Structures are given as structure tokens and as C-alpha cells.
């Protein structure tokens, strides 16, 4: 197994301690206990997988939105069935994790009977990494498709203004004795959260990630955030970002075409839309045969002949599985600046501060 070597320069925290810390901040900001549990679990899941851009470091921006009254901490999403296999969740401007949790749970339950379940979510907010939703489906032996739209960050191919979001496309499928398949990727060269992370840590970014406001390549994350992200594959990445807006924004009745609010902008509700599908994998064969075929696919992929200089071929989602195993043992690393920003939020509501315990 490839593991993440513990970085001696960064303090480490057990995932259980981080979970309780985040939960305390949320409850201190009038989030009901059940909702706080869901949000904390999803954020810590991102940090365990190494998706630090979508983990607990989002708490300060989430809490600022709560304080400004543009995210309702006490709202409970509401589900309405449209057909036996299709439903819509009204997020009611709650945390995106809550509407998405309701959506994948309903989609899975419907798929158990009908083979497929589809749920559109409107009036939602940022729901962190998409992979956690795929993981929920896999735990029920279900395949999944997870779409969301997001605030403008990309130009369409041939354009120069921010219009489309770096909205991730995700899908997952269970396996037998090997790693499950989980794809979670943005249509940009890099997720915008990685630029926020670089800015937070005072780091440079690669020159092919973004352009500054004058259209020039930049390694400065602040300049990149004032400019535009670059789509992967040119027109292909641009088209994928439009597809996310069609299924998540247009179809749901949420904001689209550049009108989703940035999660770091506390001026107005985000009005994000999601589209979540669960598929029963044993529709055409037994579940055991399906998983066996997935295991065979995994072995063929990771056992492929390697190109020069390549030590190991990874299956989609495998690096994150390995990293989670390591972080469950050695703890989650955060910079001192990140810890201090999180503790500022704890101090505001009198919650317990985050201290290293590993």
C-alpha cells in the first residue's frame, strides 16, 4: 500500500477529535444536533481522503454565511416525489450536505425496488467533496452518479469571462475484494478549492491552472482567484461544466448560467442545484457476478504494463482510499494557520478548541 508519509512539520489530529470539534462549532452556531452530525461527518470524510480543499477548513466560510443570514443553520430539507423513481428535494437554503444526504438515501431506497432512483435538489449550498455521496451508495451496494453546479469560475471555450462553475462530476460502483470505483473530478485543470488552499498556506500554484484578470498565466493564487480557472482539455472541459449546469441548475430550478453565489461570498444565498442518481447493479446479473467483474476490471487496470518511469498504476479513487487508511492511523495534518482560523470560530461560540492529540 502506498501511504502518505507523516509530515513532522504539521500537527496531526485524530479524525474523532476533529469530528467532535467541528460538531461543537456547528451546534454553537444554532445548527441542530442531527444536522451538525451530518455536516461534521462529511467534512471529516474529505480530510481523511486527503481532499483538504473540501474539508473542515470550509467551516469559517460556512459560519460567516450563517452569521450574515444567507445560509439557514436550522433549515431541514423537504422531499417531494414526482414519480415512483424520481423526486425533488428543496434544500430550503440549508447546508448542502443535508439535501444531498436526503437525496442519496431516497435514491438508494427507490433503486432497491425499481432498479434506479433519481433526485434533483434545489435551493441548496456547497456539499463538499462529491465522493462522500458515492461512498454512501457503495455502502448499499449501489452505483451512483452525482452532479452539482457551482459559482462561476471558468470561461466557456472561446470566452474570457467567468460563466461556468468548476462543478465536479462524480460516479461510483461497488466491487468485491478490490477497491471500489470512485471518480470525483472537476472539469477544470485543478479544483478551485486547491487555489484557496494554496492562498491559505501562502503557496504558489502551477502556471497551467489559471489566468489572472489580464488573461496571463499566473502562479499567484490571489491573482488566479481574480481571474479565471482553465478548463481541462479545452472545449471538452468547457462542455462538461455546461452539462453540470444543465442537470443541476436548469433541471432543478436552482440558479444557473453564472448566478450561483460563491461559497466565500456571504452577500446572498448560493441557490446551488444537485442531481443524484442511484442504480442497482444486479439488474442484468447477480450482485456477486457484478462485483467479480468489477474486481477483474480493477486487476486489469492496475496490472497494466507501465510506461517508462511509472512505479504504480492507480485505479480511480484508490489513492484516496490509501490516504484515508494512513490518516486514520496517523491523524489528519493541518497547518498552524488553519488550526488558528478554526479555533477563532470555536472561540466565537465558546466551543472547545482544536488541539493536537497525535
Protein backbone atom coordinates (compact mmCIF):
# COMPACT_ATOMS: atom_id res chain seq x y z
CA UNK A 1 0.00 0.00 0.00
CA UNK A 2 1.23 3.50 -0.83
CA UNK A 3 0.83 5.69 2.23
CA UNK A 4 1.20 9.36 2.95
CA UNK A 5 4.36 9.90 4.96
CA UNK A 6 3.57 11.85 8.14
CA UNK A 7 4.87 15.42 7.85
CA UNK A 8 6.77 16.26 11.01
CA UNK A 9 6.26 20.00 10.41
CA UNK A 10 2.46 19.76 10.63
CA UNK A 11 0.49 18.86 13.76
CA UNK A 12 -1.77 15.83 13.45
CA UNK A 13 -5.27 15.37 14.82
CA UNK A 14 -7.35 12.22 15.19
CA UNK A 15 -10.42 12.18 12.98
CA UNK A 16 -12.63 11.61 16.02
CA UNK A 17 -11.31 14.72 17.73
CA UNK A 18 -11.75 16.79 14.56
CA UNK A 19 -15.30 15.48 14.17
CA UNK A 20 -16.24 16.47 17.73
CA UNK A 21 -14.55 19.86 17.30
CA UNK A 22 -16.48 20.68 14.12
CA UNK A 23 -19.72 19.40 15.59
CA UNK A 24 -19.22 21.73 18.57
CA UNK A 25 -18.77 24.78 16.36
CA UNK A 26 -21.86 23.92 14.34
CA UNK A 27 -24.04 23.41 17.40
CA UNK A 28 -22.69 26.69 18.79
CA UNK A 29 -23.99 28.36 15.63
CA UNK A 30 -27.54 27.05 16.18
CA UNK A 31 -27.23 24.01 13.92
CA UNK A 32 -29.46 21.17 15.23
CA UNK A 33 -27.51 18.20 16.59
CA UNK A 34 -28.58 15.78 13.84
CA UNK A 35 -27.63 18.28 11.13
CA UNK A 36 -24.33 19.08 12.85
CA UNK A 37 -23.53 15.36 12.94
CA UNK A 38 -24.13 15.02 9.20
CA UNK A 39 -22.08 18.10 8.25
CA UNK A 40 -19.18 17.17 10.54
CA UNK A 41 -19.07 13.59 9.26
CA UNK A 42 -18.96 14.72 5.62
CA UNK A 43 -16.27 17.35 6.18
CA UNK A 44 -14.02 14.98 8.10
CA UNK A 45 -14.54 12.33 5.40
CA UNK A 46 -13.00 14.76 2.89
CA UNK A 47 -9.95 15.40 5.08
CA UNK A 48 -9.47 11.68 5.67
CA UNK A 49 -9.36 11.10 1.91
CA UNK A 50 -6.88 13.97 1.51
CA UNK A 51 -9.41 16.27 -0.17
CA UNK A 52 -8.36 19.06 2.19
CA UNK A 53 -9.87 21.68 -0.09
CA UNK A 54 -13.37 20.43 0.78
CA UNK A 55 -12.91 19.51 4.43
CA UNK A 56 -13.13 21.26 7.78
CA UNK A 57 -11.23 24.30 6.53
CA UNK A 58 -14.53 25.29 4.91
CA UNK A 59 -16.01 25.93 8.36
CA UNK A 60 -15.01 29.64 8.60
CA UNK A 61 -16.69 30.46 5.27
CA UNK A 62 -19.77 28.39 6.15
CA UNK A 63 -20.10 30.09 9.55
CA UNK A 64 -19.71 33.55 8.01
CA UNK A 65 -22.61 32.74 5.69
CA UNK A 66 -24.63 31.69 8.73
CA UNK A 67 -23.76 34.91 10.58
CA UNK A 68 -24.73 37.01 7.55
CA UNK A 69 -28.10 35.26 7.32
CA UNK A 70 -27.56 33.83 3.82
CA UNK A 71 -27.43 30.18 4.98
CA UNK A 72 -30.12 28.90 7.34
CA UNK A 73 -28.46 26.76 10.04
CA UNK A 74 -31.77 25.33 11.27
CA UNK A 75 -33.40 24.58 7.91
CA UNK A 76 -34.47 21.00 7.18
CA UNK A 77 -34.73 19.93 3.51
CA UNK A 78 -38.06 18.64 2.21
CA UNK A 79 -38.54 15.82 -0.32
CA UNK A 80 -41.41 15.58 -2.82
CA UNK A 81 -41.88 12.55 -5.09
CA UNK A 82 -42.59 13.27 -8.76
CA UNK A 83 -42.87 9.64 -9.93
CA UNK A 84 -42.08 6.30 -8.26
CA UNK A 85 -38.43 6.70 -9.26
CA UNK A 86 -37.98 10.49 -9.38
CA UNK A 87 -38.12 13.03 -6.57
CA UNK A 88 -37.02 16.55 -5.75
CA UNK A 89 -35.50 17.87 -2.56
CA UNK A 90 -35.99 21.51 -1.62
CA UNK A 91 -32.88 22.29 0.37
CA UNK A 92 -34.54 25.37 1.86
CA UNK A 93 -31.14 27.08 1.93
CA UNK A 94 -29.73 24.54 4.38
CA UNK A 95 -26.23 23.09 4.31
CA UNK A 96 -25.74 21.22 1.03
CA UNK A 97 -24.78 18.07 2.93
CA UNK A 98 -28.32 17.77 4.30
CA UNK A 99 -30.16 17.93 0.98
CA UNK A 100 -27.62 15.63 -0.66
CA UNK A 101 -27.91 13.11 2.19
CA UNK A 102 -31.68 13.07 1.86
CA UNK A 103 -31.34 12.72 -1.93
CA UNK A 104 -28.93 9.77 -1.97
CA UNK A 105 -30.86 7.98 0.78
CA UNK A 106 -34.12 8.27 -1.17
CA UNK A 107 -32.48 7.38 -4.49
CA UNK A 108 -30.96 4.23 -2.96
CA UNK A 109 -34.23 3.13 -1.35
CA UNK A 110 -36.14 3.64 -4.59
CA UNK A 111 -33.47 1.83 -6.62
CA UNK A 112 -33.79 -1.23 -4.36
CA UNK A 113 -37.33 -1.67 -5.73
CA UNK A 114 -37.25 -0.14 -9.19
CA UNK A 115 -33.60 -0.50 -10.18
CA UNK A 116 -32.94 3.23 -10.38
CA UNK A 117 -33.67 6.32 -8.34
CA UNK A 118 -33.15 9.95 -9.39
CA UNK A 119 -33.36 13.01 -7.16
CA UNK A 120 -32.96 16.66 -8.09
CA UNK A 121 -32.01 19.12 -5.34
CA UNK A 122 -32.76 22.84 -5.44
CA UNK A 123 -32.12 25.83 -3.14
CA UNK A 124 -29.02 24.13 -1.72
CA UNK A 125 -25.47 25.08 -0.80
CA UNK A 126 -21.95 23.69 -1.20
CA UNK A 127 -21.85 19.99 -0.24
CA UNK A 128 -18.10 19.44 -0.01
CA UNK A 129 -16.50 16.63 -1.96
CA UNK A 130 -18.85 14.63 -4.18
CA UNK A 131 -17.13 11.33 -3.35
CA UNK A 132 -18.86 11.02 0.03
CA UNK A 133 -22.20 10.65 -1.77
CA UNK A 134 -20.76 7.91 -3.97
CA UNK A 135 -19.45 6.24 -0.82
CA UNK A 136 -22.95 6.25 0.70
CA UNK A 137 -24.29 4.48 -2.39
CA UNK A 138 -21.45 1.93 -2.38
CA UNK A 139 -22.21 1.10 1.26
CA UNK A 140 -25.65 -0.03 -0.02
CA UNK A 141 -24.12 -1.93 -2.98
CA UNK A 142 -25.34 0.73 -5.41
CA UNK A 143 -23.78 2.51 -8.36
CA UNK A 144 -24.19 6.29 -8.44
CA UNK A 145 -23.96 9.45 -10.49
CA UNK A 146 -23.50 12.76 -8.65
CA UNK A 147 -23.71 16.16 -10.35
CA UNK A 148 -23.71 19.67 -8.89
CA UNK A 149 -23.30 23.15 -10.26
CA UNK A 150 -21.29 25.92 -8.65
CA UNK A 151 -20.38 29.59 -8.81
CA UNK A 152 -18.76 30.97 -11.99
CA UNK A 153 -15.03 30.37 -12.27
CA UNK A 154 -14.46 29.08 -15.83
CA UNK A 155 -14.88 30.80 -19.18
CA UNK A 156 -16.67 28.79 -21.83
CA UNK A 157 -14.35 27.69 -24.61
CA UNK A 158 -13.51 30.75 -26.67
CA UNK A 159 -14.71 33.17 -23.99
CA UNK A 160 -12.86 35.19 -21.37
CA UNK A 161 -15.41 35.90 -18.62
CA UNK A 162 -16.26 33.70 -15.64
CA UNK A 163 -19.51 31.95 -16.52
CA UNK A 164 -19.45 28.24 -15.68
CA UNK A 165 -18.53 26.64 -12.37
CA UNK A 166 -15.75 24.14 -11.74
CA UNK A 167 -18.60 21.75 -10.96
CA UNK A 168 -17.46 18.20 -10.22
CA UNK A 169 -18.75 15.11 -11.94
CA UNK A 170 -18.68 12.01 -9.76
CA UNK A 171 -19.70 8.38 -10.06
CA UNK A 172 -19.10 5.21 -8.12
CA UNK A 173 -19.57 1.45 -8.23
CA UNK A 174 -19.04 -1.27 -5.62
CA UNK A 175 -16.57 -4.12 -6.02
CA UNK A 176 -15.87 -7.43 -4.31
CA UNK A 177 -12.41 -7.96 -2.81
CA UNK A 178 -10.77 -4.99 -4.55
CA UNK A 179 -11.16 -1.22 -4.20
CA UNK A 180 -14.48 0.34 -5.28
CA UNK A 181 -14.56 2.62 -8.31
CA UNK A 182 -14.96 6.29 -7.35
CA UNK A 183 -14.42 9.07 -9.85
CA UNK A 184 -14.68 12.63 -8.50
CA UNK A 185 -13.23 15.30 -10.72
CA UNK A 186 -13.71 18.92 -11.72
CA UNK A 187 -13.90 19.94 -15.40
CA UNK A 188 -11.03 22.37 -14.75
CA UNK A 189 -7.31 21.59 -14.77
CA UNK A 190 -7.50 21.79 -10.97
CA UNK A 191 -10.31 22.24 -8.46
CA UNK A 192 -10.77 25.85 -7.36
CA UNK A 193 -10.53 24.69 -3.76
CA UNK A 194 -6.86 23.89 -4.42
CA UNK A 195 -6.27 27.55 -5.22
CA UNK A 196 -7.97 28.64 -2.00
CA UNK A 197 -5.82 26.10 -0.16
CA UNK A 198 -2.63 27.47 -1.77
CA UNK A 199 -3.65 31.00 -0.82
CA UNK A 200 -4.39 29.92 2.76
CA UNK A 201 -0.98 28.25 3.01
CA UNK A 202 0.91 31.01 1.16
CA UNK A 203 1.95 28.62 -1.61
CA UNK A 204 2.40 29.04 -5.37
CA UNK A 205 0.25 27.20 -7.92
CA UNK A 206 1.27 25.65 -11.28
CA UNK A 207 1.16 28.08 -14.20
CA UNK A 208 -1.31 25.97 -16.16
CA UNK A 209 -4.10 26.12 -13.56
CA UNK A 210 -5.46 29.64 -14.08
CA UNK A 211 -5.15 33.06 -15.70
CA UNK A 212 -5.06 36.41 -13.89
CA UNK A 213 -7.58 39.19 -14.61
CA UNK A 214 -5.50 40.26 -17.62
CA UNK A 215 -5.57 36.78 -19.15
CA UNK A 216 -1.99 35.86 -18.31
CA UNK A 217 -0.83 32.57 -16.71
CA UNK A 218 -0.11 33.07 -13.02
CA UNK A 219 1.36 31.12 -10.12
CA UNK A 220 -0.16 33.53 -7.58
CA UNK A 221 -3.36 32.06 -6.08
CA UNK A 222 -4.74 35.52 -5.23
CA UNK A 223 -4.29 36.66 -8.83
CA UNK A 224 -5.83 33.41 -10.04
CA UNK A 225 -8.94 33.97 -7.94
CA UNK A 226 -9.33 37.40 -9.53
CA UNK A 227 -9.03 35.81 -12.97
CA UNK A 228 -10.38 32.55 -14.38
CA UNK A 229 -9.74 28.84 -13.96
CA UNK A 230 -8.69 26.90 -17.05
CA UNK A 231 -10.87 24.02 -18.30
CA UNK A 232 -9.19 20.67 -18.83
CA UNK A 233 -8.99 19.62 -22.45
CA UNK A 234 -10.18 23.00 -23.74
CA UNK A 235 -13.67 22.57 -25.24
CA UNK A 236 -14.15 19.21 -23.52
CA UNK A 237 -13.83 20.61 -20.01
CA UNK A 238 -15.96 23.57 -21.00
CA UNK A 239 -18.71 21.28 -22.31
CA UNK A 240 -18.64 19.18 -19.12
CA UNK A 241 -19.12 22.31 -16.99
CA UNK A 242 -22.14 23.26 -19.12
CA UNK A 243 -23.53 19.74 -18.72
CA UNK A 244 -23.30 20.09 -14.93
CA UNK A 245 -25.32 23.30 -15.17
CA UNK A 246 -27.98 21.63 -17.34
CA UNK A 247 -28.58 18.68 -15.00
CA UNK A 248 -28.02 20.50 -11.70
CA UNK A 249 -29.20 24.05 -12.30
CA UNK A 250 -31.60 24.22 -15.23
CA UNK A 251 -33.42 20.97 -14.40
CA UNK A 252 -33.72 21.60 -10.65
CA UNK A 253 -34.98 25.17 -10.81
CA UNK A 254 -31.92 26.47 -8.94
CA UNK A 255 -29.52 29.17 -10.08
CA UNK A 256 -27.61 28.54 -13.33
CA UNK A 257 -25.73 30.34 -16.12
CA UNK A 258 -23.40 32.14 -13.75
CA UNK A 259 -25.89 33.03 -10.99
CA UNK A 260 -24.77 30.58 -8.30
CA UNK A 261 -23.15 32.51 -5.44
CA UNK A 262 -19.56 31.76 -4.44
CA UNK A 263 -19.44 29.92 -1.07
CA UNK A 264 -16.94 32.53 0.13
CA UNK A 265 -19.34 35.38 -0.73
CA UNK A 266 -21.66 35.99 2.25
CA UNK A 267 -23.81 38.57 0.45
CA UNK A 268 -26.67 36.34 -0.76
CA UNK A 269 -27.91 32.72 -0.77
CA UNK A 270 -25.98 30.39 -3.06
CA UNK A 271 -29.01 28.59 -4.58
CA UNK A 272 -26.93 25.61 -5.72
CA UNK A 273 -28.53 22.68 -7.56
CA UNK A 274 -27.60 18.98 -7.49
CA UNK A 275 -28.64 15.87 -9.44
CA UNK A 276 -28.14 12.46 -7.82
CA UNK A 277 -28.79 9.00 -9.26
CA UNK A 278 -28.56 5.55 -7.65
CA UNK A 279 -28.52 2.42 -9.83
CA UNK A 280 -28.98 -1.17 -8.69
CA UNK A 281 -26.02 -3.09 -10.19
CA UNK A 282 -27.65 -6.53 -10.23
CA UNK A 283 -30.28 -5.70 -12.84
CA UNK A 284 -28.75 -7.92 -15.54
CA UNK A 285 -26.72 -10.38 -13.47
CA UNK A 286 -26.25 -11.35 -9.84
CA UNK A 287 -24.58 -8.90 -7.48
CA UNK A 288 -21.78 -11.43 -6.93
CA UNK A 289 -21.10 -11.62 -10.68
CA UNK A 290 -21.15 -7.84 -10.99
CA UNK A 291 -18.63 -7.46 -8.16
CA UNK A 292 -16.47 -10.20 -9.66
CA UNK A 293 -16.42 -8.35 -12.97
CA UNK A 294 -15.50 -5.12 -11.15
CA UNK A 295 -12.66 -6.95 -9.41
CA UNK A 296 -11.42 -8.19 -12.79
CA UNK A 297 -11.55 -4.66 -14.20
CA UNK A 298 -9.56 -3.37 -11.23
CA UNK A 299 -6.88 -6.03 -11.66
CA UNK A 300 -6.58 -5.35 -15.40
CA UNK A 301 -6.22 -1.60 -14.80
CA UNK A 302 -3.65 -1.68 -12.01
CA UNK A 303 -1.81 -4.58 -13.65
CA UNK A 304 -1.39 -2.83 -16.99
CA UNK A 305 2.09 -2.55 -18.44
CA UNK A 306 3.63 0.61 -17.01
CA UNK A 307 5.03 3.46 -19.05
CA UNK A 308 8.64 4.48 -18.52
CA UNK A 309 9.21 5.99 -15.09
CA UNK A 310 5.85 4.84 -13.65
CA UNK A 311 6.10 2.85 -10.41
CA UNK A 312 2.43 2.09 -9.87
CA UNK A 313 -0.86 2.45 -11.73
CA UNK A 314 -3.76 3.59 -9.59
CA UNK A 315 -7.48 2.90 -10.02
CA UNK A 316 -9.81 5.92 -9.75
CA UNK A 317 -10.30 6.66 -6.06
CA UNK A 318 -7.53 4.30 -4.91
CA UNK A 319 -5.07 6.99 -3.83
CA UNK A 320 -7.75 8.46 -1.59
CA UNK A 321 -8.56 5.06 -0.07
CA UNK A 322 -4.88 4.53 0.77
CA UNK A 323 -4.60 8.03 2.21
CA UNK A 324 -7.66 7.50 4.39
CA UNK A 325 -6.13 4.34 5.82
CA UNK A 326 -2.95 6.25 6.69
CA UNK A 327 -4.75 9.24 8.21
CA UNK A 328 -6.99 7.07 10.35
CA UNK A 329 -3.79 5.77 11.92
CA UNK A 330 -1.54 8.84 11.95
CA UNK A 331 -4.13 11.63 12.10
CA UNK A 332 -5.11 14.47 9.78
CA UNK A 333 -2.47 17.19 9.21
CA UNK A 334 -3.33 20.89 9.33
CA UNK A 335 -1.10 23.93 9.17
CA UNK A 336 -0.85 26.15 12.25
CA UNK A 337 -2.65 28.91 10.34
CA UNK A 338 -5.52 26.59 9.51
CA UNK A 339 -5.82 25.46 13.12
CA UNK A 340 -5.83 29.05 14.34
CA UNK A 341 -8.57 30.04 11.87
CA UNK A 342 -10.66 27.11 13.06
CA UNK A 343 -10.05 27.96 16.72
CA UNK A 344 -11.21 31.52 16.08
CA UNK A 345 -14.56 30.01 15.08
CA UNK A 346 -14.60 27.87 18.22
CA UNK A 347 -13.84 30.89 20.42
CA UNK A 348 -16.73 32.85 18.90
CA UNK A 349 -19.26 30.35 20.23
CA UNK A 350 -17.41 29.08 23.29
CA UNK A 351 -16.74 25.65 21.81
CA UNK A 352 -13.72 23.51 22.71
CA UNK A 353 -10.58 24.45 20.79
CA UNK A 354 -8.75 22.05 18.46
CA UNK A 355 -5.52 20.75 19.97
CA UNK A 356 -3.13 18.13 18.55
CA UNK A 357 -3.64 14.68 20.03
CA UNK A 358 -1.34 12.54 17.88
